[in-house]
């Protein structure tokens, strides 16, 4: 009897195990979540341009994909490899992205295009390639990392926010299209999380706008950003990992998850108090 009990436990465990593709898996939210999912027994494929920083994942049992989401051949090759090795993809977490900050006046259109290529078009292309396999298996979960910035706005983040606002609408349309095939589409809206995102935002903003006509507001914005992403102020990436775990085991996941420091209150203020009140909140945070 003990043998049979153990046998059925193994069967149950295998049925719970999912094949998961995570982009942006080399650091931050993606890496933390990948580690947790591997430990739970899921088959995890971590994708990133930074293969060196995924060695820890590989040692834990992850499959590593060298993938730049703006390069079609790398996206196509990655999806084909997963299908050849596993025969399916249960979960696609589109997590790769970055925040392009700088004044609209001083940010080149080429840089703006690249922001859309990474945050929206690369994500969309990968999703296009995965959908046929999910349709065939009549199941799947697509999780798109937006941001609280997909619902609100901050100074000098025009191009970043544009990509996230676009991703929100794109994901809503996709959810309707794929629902008849048993495929769920979920939007993740992180707030301030302890990752390198804040440092990258700071550097890009300084490069573009720290010495021009917006200098004073840039300095105040950088100070506000530094305060928001201080260790004690931002949320640990584990809150994202816990949310992803909840989504992938849920029969009926929510369409949106606002998670992490300031995400829910900022979205609430914008939604229920309007632009003028939200403008005053932003001005309060970037006061000199």
C-alpha atoms as a PDB file:
ATOM      1  CA  UNK A   1       0.000   0.000   0.000  1.00  0.00           C
ATOM      2  CA  UNK A   2       2.837   2.397   0.840  1.00  0.00           C
ATOM      3  CA  UNK A   3       4.357   1.673  -2.568  1.00  0.00           C
ATOM      4  CA  UNK A   4       1.067   2.520  -4.321  1.00  0.00           C
ATOM      5  CA  UNK A   5       0.645   5.695  -2.267  1.00  0.00           C
ATOM      6  CA  UNK A   6       4.141   6.819  -3.245  1.00  0.00           C
ATOM      7  CA  UNK A   7       3.466   5.948  -6.872  1.00  0.00           C
ATOM      8  CA  UNK A   8       0.320   8.103  -7.006  1.00  0.00           C
ATOM      9  CA  UNK A   9       2.118  10.959  -5.267  1.00  0.00           C
ATOM     10  CA  UNK A  10       4.767  10.869  -8.005  1.00  0.00           C
ATOM     11  CA  UNK A  11       2.038  10.881 -10.672  1.00  0.00           C
ATOM     12  CA  UNK A  12       0.373  13.878  -9.022  1.00  0.00           C
ATOM     13  CA  UNK A  13       3.728  15.675  -8.792  1.00  0.00           C
ATOM     14  CA  UNK A  14       4.441  15.080 -12.462  1.00  0.00           C
ATOM     15  CA  UNK A  15       1.013  16.372 -13.448  1.00  0.00           C
ATOM     16  CA  UNK A  16       1.599  19.565 -11.457  1.00  0.00           C
ATOM     17  CA  UNK A  17       4.960  20.214 -13.088  1.00  0.00           C
ATOM     18  CA  UNK A  18       4.772  22.818 -15.858  1.00  0.00           C
ATOM     19  CA  UNK A  19       7.069  23.825 -18.700  1.00  0.00           C
ATOM     20  CA  UNK A  20       7.751  27.518 -18.135  1.00  0.00           C
ATOM     21  CA  UNK A  21       9.572  30.033 -20.337  1.00  0.00           C
ATOM     22  CA  UNK A  22      10.793  33.178 -18.560  1.00  0.00           C
ATOM     23  CA  UNK A  23      12.398  36.076 -20.412  1.00  0.00           C
ATOM     24  CA  UNK A  24      14.569  38.498 -18.464  1.00  0.00           C
ATOM     25  CA  UNK A  25      15.664  35.604 -16.255  1.00  0.00           C
ATOM     26  CA  UNK A  26      19.229  36.739 -15.625  1.00  0.00           C
ATOM     27  CA  UNK A  27      18.443  39.069 -12.715  1.00  0.00           C
ATOM     28  CA  UNK A  28      15.840  40.602 -10.441  1.00  0.00           C
ATOM     29  CA  UNK A  29      12.263  39.342 -10.499  1.00  0.00           C
ATOM     30  CA  UNK A  30      12.881  36.845 -13.290  1.00  0.00           C
ATOM     31  CA  UNK A  31      15.863  35.175 -11.664  1.00  0.00           C
ATOM     32  CA  UNK A  32      14.343  35.031  -8.179  1.00  0.00           C
ATOM     33  CA  UNK A  33      11.136  33.506  -9.516  1.00  0.00           C
ATOM     34  CA  UNK A  34      12.976  31.049 -11.749  1.00  0.00           C
ATOM     35  CA  UNK A  35      14.925  29.729  -8.748  1.00  0.00           C
ATOM     36  CA  UNK A  36      11.725  29.208  -6.749  1.00  0.00           C
ATOM     37  CA  UNK A  37       9.950  27.483  -9.640  1.00  0.00           C
ATOM     38  CA  UNK A  38      12.885  25.135 -10.251  1.00  0.00           C
ATOM     39  CA  UNK A  39      12.875  24.160  -6.573  1.00  0.00           C
ATOM     40  CA  UNK A  40       9.181  23.327  -6.890  1.00  0.00           C
ATOM     41  CA  UNK A  41       9.962  20.879  -9.686  1.00  0.00           C
ATOM     42  CA  UNK A  42       8.852  22.888 -12.699  1.00  0.00           C
ATOM     43  CA  UNK A  43      10.754  22.694 -15.993  1.00  0.00           C
ATOM     44  CA  UNK A  44      12.131  26.199 -16.370  1.00  0.00           C
ATOM     45  CA  UNK A  45      13.695  27.760 -19.452  1.00  0.00           C
ATOM     46  CA  UNK A  46      15.443  31.011 -18.596  1.00  0.00           C
ATOM     47  CA  UNK A  47      15.981  33.419 -21.488  1.00  0.00           C
ATOM     48  CA  UNK A  48      18.227  36.463 -21.556  1.00  0.00           C
ATOM     49  CA  UNK A  49      21.024  38.186 -23.470  1.00  0.00           C
ATOM     50  CA  UNK A  50      23.137  37.823 -20.318  1.00  0.00           C
ATOM     51  CA  UNK A  51      23.882  34.093 -20.242  1.00  0.00           C
ATOM     52  CA  UNK A  52      26.699  34.494 -17.697  1.00  0.00           C
ATOM     53  CA  UNK A  53      24.260  35.645 -15.012  1.00  0.00           C
ATOM     54  CA  UNK A  54      22.091  32.558 -15.528  1.00  0.00           C
ATOM     55  CA  UNK A  55      24.767  30.019 -14.569  1.00  0.00           C
ATOM     56  CA  UNK A  56      23.243  29.708 -11.106  1.00  0.00           C
ATOM     57  CA  UNK A  57      19.920  28.784 -12.698  1.00  0.00           C
ATOM     58  CA  UNK A  58      21.635  26.217 -14.905  1.00  0.00           C
ATOM     59  CA  UNK A  59      23.321  24.634 -11.880  1.00  0.00           C
ATOM     60  CA  UNK A  60      19.904  24.322 -10.225  1.00  0.00           C
ATOM     61  CA  UNK A  61      18.496  22.556 -13.274  1.00  0.00           C
ATOM     62  CA  UNK A  62      17.170  25.308 -15.537  1.00  0.00           C
ATOM     63  CA  UNK A  63      17.587  25.254 -19.297  1.00  0.00           C
ATOM     64  CA  UNK A  64      19.340  28.373 -20.543  1.00  0.00           C
ATOM     65  CA  UNK A  65      18.431  30.264 -23.712  1.00  0.00           C
ATOM     66  CA  UNK A  66      20.578  33.004 -25.182  1.00  0.00           C
ATOM     67  CA  UNK A  67      17.748  35.241 -26.363  1.00  0.00           C
ATOM     68  CA  UNK A  68      17.549  38.864 -27.393  1.00  0.00           C
ATOM     69  CA  UNK A  69      13.810  39.519 -27.769  1.00  0.00           C
ATOM     70  CA  UNK A  70      14.492  41.971 -30.597  1.00  0.00           C
ATOM     71  CA  UNK A  71      16.104  39.239 -32.750  1.00  0.00           C
ATOM     72  CA  UNK A  72      13.583  37.037 -34.509  1.00  0.00           C
ATOM     73  CA  UNK A  73      15.997  34.204 -35.184  1.00  0.00           C
ATOM     74  CA  UNK A  74      16.891  33.899 -31.479  1.00  0.00           C
ATOM     75  CA  UNK A  75      13.228  33.961 -30.425  1.00  0.00           C
ATOM     76  CA  UNK A  76      12.267  31.364 -33.023  1.00  0.00           C
ATOM     77  CA  UNK A  77      15.219  29.137 -32.133  1.00  0.00           C
ATOM     78  CA  UNK A  78      14.371  29.285 -28.424  1.00  0.00           C
ATOM     79  CA  UNK A  79      10.732  28.294 -28.921  1.00  0.00           C
ATOM     80  CA  UNK A  80      11.679  25.477 -31.304  1.00  0.00           C
ATOM     81  CA  UNK A  81      14.176  24.112 -28.805  1.00  0.00           C
ATOM     82  CA  UNK A  82      11.586  23.991 -26.014  1.00  0.00           C
ATOM     83  CA  UNK A  83       9.048  22.235 -28.241  1.00  0.00           C
ATOM     84  CA  UNK A  84      11.647  19.745 -29.471  1.00  0.00           C
ATOM     85  CA  UNK A  85      12.772  18.956 -25.918  1.00  0.00           C
ATOM     86  CA  UNK A  86       9.480  19.158 -23.984  1.00  0.00           C
ATOM     87  CA  UNK A  87       6.715  18.998 -26.583  1.00  0.00           C
ATOM     88  CA  UNK A  88       4.837  21.920 -25.043  1.00  0.00           C
ATOM     89  CA  UNK A  89       4.976  25.275 -23.292  1.00  0.00           C
ATOM     90  CA  UNK A  90       2.553  25.651 -20.381  1.00  0.00           C
ATOM     91  CA  UNK A  91       3.530  29.114 -19.190  1.00  0.00           C
ATOM     92  CA  UNK A  92       5.111  32.059 -21.002  1.00  0.00           C
ATOM     93  CA  UNK A  93       6.195  34.874 -18.711  1.00  0.00           C
ATOM     94  CA  UNK A  94       7.143  37.887 -20.839  1.00  0.00           C
ATOM     95  CA  UNK A  95       9.334  39.571 -18.263  1.00  0.00           C
ATOM     96  CA  UNK A  96      12.193  41.118 -20.275  1.00  0.00           C
ATOM     97  CA  UNK A  97      12.191  44.903 -20.470  1.00  0.00           C
ATOM     98  CA  UNK A  98      13.809  48.105 -19.296  1.00  0.00           C
ATOM     99  CA  UNK A  99      12.870  51.699 -18.503  1.00  0.00           C
ATOM    100  CA  UNK A 100      14.017  54.363 -20.951  1.00  0.00           C
ATOM    101  CA  UNK A 101      14.046  57.679 -19.090  1.00  0.00           C
ATOM    102  CA  UNK A 102      14.846  61.130 -20.427  1.00  0.00           C
ATOM    103  CA  UNK A 103      12.890  64.163 -21.563  1.00  0.00           C
ATOM    104  CA  UNK A 104      10.874  63.748 -24.738  1.00  0.00           C
ATOM    105  CA  UNK A 105      12.823  66.624 -26.284  1.00  0.00           C
ATOM    106  CA  UNK A 106      16.224  65.073 -25.582  1.00  0.00           C
ATOM    107  CA  UNK A 107      15.467  61.407 -26.282  1.00  0.00           C
ATOM    108  CA  UNK A 108      16.168  60.288 -29.834  1.00  0.00           C
ATOM    109  CA  UNK A 109      13.448  58.571 -31.826  1.00  0.00           C
ATOM    110  CA  UNK A 110      15.878  55.686 -32.421  1.00  0.00           C
ATOM    111  CA  UNK A 111      16.127  55.169 -28.662  1.00  0.00           C
ATOM    112  CA  UNK A 112      12.355  55.407 -28.368  1.00  0.00           C
ATOM    113  CA  UNK A 113      11.925  52.807 -31.121  1.00  0.00           C
ATOM    114  CA  UNK A 114      14.283  50.448 -29.293  1.00  0.00           C
ATOM    115  CA  UNK A 115      12.211  50.866 -26.129  1.00  0.00           C
ATOM    116  CA  UNK A 116       9.153  49.704 -28.067  1.00  0.00           C
ATOM    117  CA  UNK A 117      11.122  46.890 -29.733  1.00  0.00           C
ATOM    118  CA  UNK A 118      12.104  45.430 -26.358  1.00  0.00           C
ATOM    119  CA  UNK A 119       9.065  46.203 -24.207  1.00  0.00           C
ATOM    120  CA  UNK A 120       6.333  45.571 -26.767  1.00  0.00           C
ATOM    121  CA  UNK A 121       7.224  44.247 -30.222  1.00  0.00           C
ATOM    122  CA  UNK A 122       9.764  41.642 -29.069  1.00  0.00           C
ATOM    123  CA  UNK A 123       7.302  40.448 -26.434  1.00  0.00           C
ATOM    124  CA  UNK A 124       4.539  40.326 -29.052  1.00  0.00           C
ATOM    125  CA  UNK A 125       6.650  38.336 -31.509  1.00  0.00           C
ATOM    126  CA  UNK A 126       7.586  35.739 -28.895  1.00  0.00           C
ATOM    127  CA  UNK A 127       3.939  35.449 -27.908  1.00  0.00           C
ATOM    128  CA  UNK A 128       2.921  34.934 -31.555  1.00  0.00           C
ATOM    129  CA  UNK A 129       5.326  32.013 -31.815  1.00  0.00           C
ATOM    130  CA  UNK A 130       4.109  30.367 -28.604  1.00  0.00           C
ATOM    131  CA  UNK A 131       0.352  30.737 -29.198  1.00  0.00           C
ATOM    132  CA  UNK A 132      -0.020  27.946 -31.835  1.00  0.00           C
ATOM    133  CA  UNK A 133       1.389  25.356 -29.418  1.00  0.00           C
ATOM    134  CA  UNK A 134      -0.861  26.521 -26.586  1.00  0.00           C
ATOM    135  CA  UNK A 135      -3.862  26.438 -28.922  1.00  0.00           C
ATOM    136  CA  UNK A 136      -3.001  22.884 -29.915  1.00  0.00           C
ATOM    137  CA  UNK A 137      -2.839  21.741 -26.288  1.00  0.00           C
ATOM    138  CA  UNK A 138      -5.942  23.847 -25.474  1.00  0.00           C
ATOM    139  CA  UNK A 139      -4.300  25.350 -22.410  1.00  0.00           C
ATOM    140  CA  UNK A 140      -1.632  27.771 -21.332  1.00  0.00           C
ATOM    141  CA  UNK A 141      -0.924  30.916 -19.373  1.00  0.00           C
ATOM    142  CA  UNK A 142       0.691  34.050 -20.807  1.00  0.00           C
ATOM    143  CA  UNK A 143       1.891  36.517 -18.172  1.00  0.00           C
ATOM    144  CA  UNK A 144       2.938  39.955 -19.383  1.00  0.00           C
ATOM    145  CA  UNK A 145       5.018  42.151 -17.087  1.00  0.00           C
ATOM    146  CA  UNK A 146       3.603  45.625 -17.333  1.00  0.00           C
ATOM    147  CA  UNK A 147       4.117  47.913 -14.342  1.00  0.00           C
ATOM    148  CA  UNK A 148       2.154  50.220 -12.118  1.00  0.00           C
ATOM    149  CA  UNK A 149       3.575  52.516 -14.812  1.00  0.00           C
ATOM    150  CA  UNK A 150       1.099  50.940 -17.205  1.00  0.00           C
ATOM    151  CA  UNK A 151      -1.641  52.756 -15.307  1.00  0.00           C
ATOM    152  CA  UNK A 152       0.141  55.864 -14.027  1.00  0.00           C
ATOM    153  CA  UNK A 153       2.943  58.168 -15.173  1.00  0.00           C
ATOM    154  CA  UNK A 154       6.139  59.807 -13.919  1.00  0.00           C
ATOM    155  CA  UNK A 155       8.258  62.702 -15.269  1.00  0.00           C
ATOM    156  CA  UNK A 156      10.742  61.813 -18.023  1.00  0.00           C
ATOM    157  CA  UNK A 157       9.300  58.330 -18.470  1.00  0.00           C
ATOM    158  CA  UNK A 158       7.143  59.148 -21.499  1.00  0.00           C
ATOM    159  CA  UNK A 159       8.508  56.416 -23.768  1.00  0.00           C
ATOM    160  CA  UNK A 160       8.653  53.820 -21.004  1.00  0.00           C
ATOM    161  CA  UNK A 161       5.090  54.529 -19.900  1.00  0.00           C
ATOM    162  CA  UNK A 162       3.940  54.543 -23.528  1.00  0.00           C
ATOM    163  CA  UNK A 163       5.154  50.948 -23.930  1.00  0.00           C
ATOM    164  CA  UNK A 164       3.496  49.812 -20.713  1.00  0.00           C
ATOM    165  CA  UNK A 165       0.191  51.551 -21.440  1.00  0.00           C
ATOM    166  CA  UNK A 166       0.269  49.925 -24.890  1.00  0.00           C
ATOM    167  CA  UNK A 167       1.031  46.522 -23.356  1.00  0.00           C
ATOM    168  CA  UNK A 168      -1.991  46.805 -21.072  1.00  0.00           C
ATOM    169  CA  UNK A 169      -4.379  47.354 -23.993  1.00  0.00           C
ATOM    170  CA  UNK A 170      -2.643  44.753 -26.151  1.00  0.00           C
ATOM    171  CA  UNK A 171      -2.938  42.165 -23.372  1.00  0.00           C
ATOM    172  CA  UNK A 172      -6.634  42.890 -22.843  1.00  0.00           C
ATOM    173  CA  UNK A 173      -7.342  42.271 -26.529  1.00  0.00           C
ATOM    174  CA  UNK A 174      -5.228  39.120 -26.488  1.00  0.00           C
ATOM    175  CA  UNK A 175      -7.128  37.799 -23.482  1.00  0.00           C
ATOM    176  CA  UNK A 176     -10.397  37.903 -25.429  1.00  0.00           C
ATOM    177  CA  UNK A 177      -8.870  36.307 -28.530  1.00  0.00           C
ATOM    178  CA  UNK A 178      -7.342  33.375 -26.668  1.00  0.00           C
ATOM    179  CA  UNK A 179     -10.056  32.640 -24.104  1.00  0.00           C
ATOM    180  CA  UNK A 180     -11.955  30.223 -26.414  1.00  0.00           C
ATOM    181  CA  UNK A 181      -8.802  28.090 -26.629  1.00  0.00           C
ATOM    182  CA  UNK A 182      -8.352  27.732 -22.881  1.00  0.00           C
ATOM    183  CA  UNK A 183      -5.396  30.141 -22.807  1.00  0.00           C
ATOM    184  CA  UNK A 184      -5.282  32.686 -19.985  1.00  0.00           C
ATOM    185  CA  UNK A 185      -3.627  36.108 -20.308  1.00  0.00           C
ATOM    186  CA  UNK A 186      -2.548  37.857 -17.117  1.00  0.00           C
ATOM    187  CA  UNK A 187      -1.010  41.308 -16.613  1.00  0.00           C
ATOM    188  CA  UNK A 188       1.553  41.782 -13.824  1.00  0.00           C
ATOM    189  CA  UNK A 189       1.859  45.350 -12.523  1.00  0.00           C
ATOM    190  CA  UNK A 190       4.879  45.577 -10.189  1.00  0.00           C
ATOM    191  CA  UNK A 191       5.511  48.596  -8.025  1.00  0.00           C
ATOM    192  CA  UNK A 192       8.917  49.459  -6.555  1.00  0.00           C
ATOM    193  CA  UNK A 193      10.897  46.205  -6.344  1.00  0.00           C
ATOM    194  CA  UNK A 194      14.479  45.714  -5.121  1.00  0.00           C
ATOM    195  CA  UNK A 195      16.117  45.170  -8.511  1.00  0.00           C
ATOM    196  CA  UNK A 196      18.584  47.003 -10.714  1.00  0.00           C
ATOM    197  CA  UNK A 197      15.726  48.729 -12.547  1.00  0.00           C
ATOM    198  CA  UNK A 198      16.105  51.947 -10.557  1.00  0.00           C
ATOM    199  CA  UNK A 199      19.841  52.181 -11.286  1.00  0.00           C
ATOM    200  CA  UNK A 200      19.292  51.694 -15.010  1.00  0.00           C
ATOM    201  CA  UNK A 201      16.534  54.318 -15.045  1.00  0.00           C
ATOM    202  CA  UNK A 202      18.803  56.739 -13.194  1.00  0.00           C
ATOM    203  CA  UNK A 203      21.715  56.233 -15.597  1.00  0.00           C
ATOM    204  CA  UNK A 204      19.599  56.653 -18.717  1.00  0.00           C
ATOM    205  CA  UNK A 205      17.957  59.788 -17.339  1.00  0.00           C
ATOM    206  CA  UNK A 206      21.308  61.322 -16.423  1.00  0.00           C
ATOM    207  CA  UNK A 207      22.779  60.530 -19.842  1.00  0.00           C
ATOM    208  CA  UNK A 208      19.980  62.324 -21.664  1.00  0.00           C
ATOM    209  CA  UNK A 209      18.709  65.150 -19.525  1.00  0.00           C
ATOM    210  CA  UNK A 210      20.948  65.991 -16.560  1.00  0.00           C
ATOM    211  CA  UNK A 211      22.646  69.020 -18.145  1.00  0.00           C
ATOM    212  CA  UNK A 212      19.909  70.493 -20.304  1.00  0.00           C
ATOM    213  CA  UNK A 213      16.873  72.737 -19.762  1.00  0.00           C
ATOM    214  CA  UNK A 214      15.228  70.165 -17.460  1.00  0.00           C
ATOM    215  CA  UNK A 215      18.199  69.884 -15.102  1.00  0.00           C
ATOM    216  CA  UNK A 216      16.420  70.939 -11.888  1.00  0.00           C
ATOM    217  CA  UNK A 217      13.431  68.661 -12.386  1.00  0.00           C
ATOM    218  CA  UNK A 218      15.754  65.811 -13.401  1.00  0.00           C
ATOM    219  CA  UNK A 219      17.734  66.153 -10.169  1.00  0.00           C
ATOM    220  CA  UNK A 220      14.519  66.073  -8.132  1.00  0.00           C
ATOM    221  CA  UNK A 221      13.234  63.064 -10.092  1.00  0.00           C
ATOM    222  CA  UNK A 222      16.492  61.168  -9.563  1.00  0.00           C
ATOM    223  CA  UNK A 223      16.345  61.873  -5.815  1.00  0.00           C
ATOM    224  CA  UNK A 224      12.749  60.631  -5.675  1.00  0.00           C
ATOM    225  CA  UNK A 225      13.722  57.516  -7.634  1.00  0.00           C
ATOM    226  CA  UNK A 226      16.675  56.830  -5.348  1.00  0.00           C
ATOM    227  CA  UNK A 227      14.419  57.123  -2.307  1.00  0.00           C
ATOM    228  CA  UNK A 228      11.804  54.829  -3.846  1.00  0.00           C
ATOM    229  CA  UNK A 229      14.310  52.094  -4.643  1.00  0.00           C
ATOM    230  CA  UNK A 230      16.253  52.206  -1.384  1.00  0.00           C
ATOM    231  CA  UNK A 231      16.572  48.792   0.201  1.00  0.00           C
ATOM    232  CA  UNK A 232      14.086  49.505   2.962  1.00  0.00           C
ATOM    233  CA  UNK A 233      11.551  51.223   0.711  1.00  0.00           C
ATOM    234  CA  UNK A 234      11.169  48.787  -2.172  1.00  0.00           C
ATOM    235  CA  UNK A 235       9.596  45.324  -1.982  1.00  0.00           C
ATOM    236  CA  UNK A 236      11.645  42.155  -2.185  1.00  0.00           C
ATOM    237  CA  UNK A 237      11.453  40.268  -5.531  1.00  0.00           C
ATOM    238  CA  UNK A 238       9.978  37.352  -3.575  1.00  0.00           C
ATOM    239  CA  UNK A 239       6.577  39.099  -3.668  1.00  0.00           C
ATOM    240  CA  UNK A 240       6.661  38.758  -7.453  1.00  0.00           C
ATOM    241  CA  UNK A 241       7.724  35.121  -7.208  1.00  0.00           C
ATOM    242  CA  UNK A 242       4.833  34.366  -4.866  1.00  0.00           C
ATOM    243  CA  UNK A 243       2.416  36.063  -7.260  1.00  0.00           C
ATOM    244  CA  UNK A 244       3.687  34.133 -10.289  1.00  0.00           C
ATOM    245  CA  UNK A 245       3.369  30.880  -8.347  1.00  0.00           C
ATOM    246  CA  UNK A 246      -0.216  31.785  -7.441  1.00  0.00           C
ATOM    247  CA  UNK A 247      -1.070  32.596 -11.076  1.00  0.00           C
ATOM    248  CA  UNK A 248       0.272  29.382 -12.594  1.00  0.00           C
ATOM    249  CA  UNK A 249      -1.652  27.105 -10.220  1.00  0.00           C
ATOM    250  CA  UNK A 250      -4.907  29.040 -10.351  1.00  0.00           C
ATOM    251  CA  UNK A 251      -7.826  27.749 -12.419  1.00  0.00           C
ATOM    252  CA  UNK A 252      -9.143  31.298 -12.682  1.00  0.00           C
ATOM    253  CA  UNK A 253      -6.314  33.819 -12.231  1.00  0.00           C
ATOM    254  CA  UNK A 254      -7.209  37.501 -12.069  1.00  0.00           C
ATOM    255  CA  UNK A 255      -6.641  39.549 -15.210  1.00  0.00           C
ATOM    256  CA  UNK A 256      -4.290  41.899 -13.319  1.00  0.00           C
ATOM    257  CA  UNK A 257      -2.035  41.714 -10.277  1.00  0.00           C
ATOM    258  CA  UNK A 258      -0.690  44.979  -8.850  1.00  0.00           C
ATOM    259  CA  UNK A 259       2.123  43.862  -6.552  1.00  0.00           C
ATOM    260  CA  UNK A 260       4.879  45.542  -4.574  1.00  0.00           C
ATOM    261  CA  UNK A 261       5.522  48.878  -2.897  1.00  0.00           C
ATOM    262  CA  UNK A 262       3.227  51.720  -3.995  1.00  0.00           C
ATOM    263  CA  UNK A 263       1.593  49.770  -6.842  1.00  0.00           C
ATOM    264  CA  UNK A 264      -1.948  49.588  -5.480  1.00  0.00           C
ATOM    265  CA  UNK A 265      -2.120  53.061  -3.864  1.00  0.00           C
ATOM    266  CA  UNK A 266      -0.694  54.857  -6.908  1.00  0.00           C
ATOM    267  CA  UNK A 267      -3.057  53.079  -9.300  1.00  0.00           C
ATOM    268  CA  UNK A 268      -5.959  53.767  -6.926  1.00  0.00           C
ATOM    269  CA  UNK A 269      -5.200  57.499  -6.711  1.00  0.00           C
ATOM    270  CA  UNK A 270      -4.966  57.868 -10.488  1.00  0.00           C
ATOM    271  CA  UNK A 271      -8.135  55.873 -11.114  1.00  0.00           C
ATOM    272  CA  UNK A 272     -10.443  57.414  -8.518  1.00  0.00           C
ATOM    273  CA  UNK A 273      -9.065  60.933  -7.975  1.00  0.00           C
ATOM    274  CA  UNK A 274      -8.120  61.888 -11.524  1.00  0.00           C
ATOM    275  CA  UNK A 275      -5.193  63.546 -13.251  1.00  0.00           C
ATOM    276  CA  UNK A 276      -5.056  66.812 -11.300  1.00  0.00           C
ATOM    277  CA  UNK A 277      -4.812  65.089  -7.933  1.00  0.00           C
ATOM    278  CA  UNK A 278      -2.296  62.594  -9.309  1.00  0.00           C
ATOM    279  CA  UNK A 279      -0.215  65.465 -10.727  1.00  0.00           C
ATOM    280  CA  UNK A 280      -0.069  66.974  -7.242  1.00  0.00           C
ATOM    281  CA  UNK A 281       1.042  63.628  -5.792  1.00  0.00           C
ATOM    282  CA  UNK A 282       3.880  63.434  -8.340  1.00  0.00           C
ATOM    283  CA  UNK A 283       4.898  67.040  -7.640  1.00  0.00           C
ATOM    284  CA  UNK A 284       5.029  66.199  -3.931  1.00  0.00           C
ATOM    285  CA  UNK A 285       7.408  63.306  -4.568  1.00  0.00           C
ATOM    286  CA  UNK A 286       9.751  65.276  -6.841  1.00  0.00           C
ATOM    287  CA  UNK A 287       9.829  68.449  -4.749  1.00  0.00           C
ATOM    288  CA  UNK A 288      13.309  69.874  -4.261  1.00  0.00           C
END
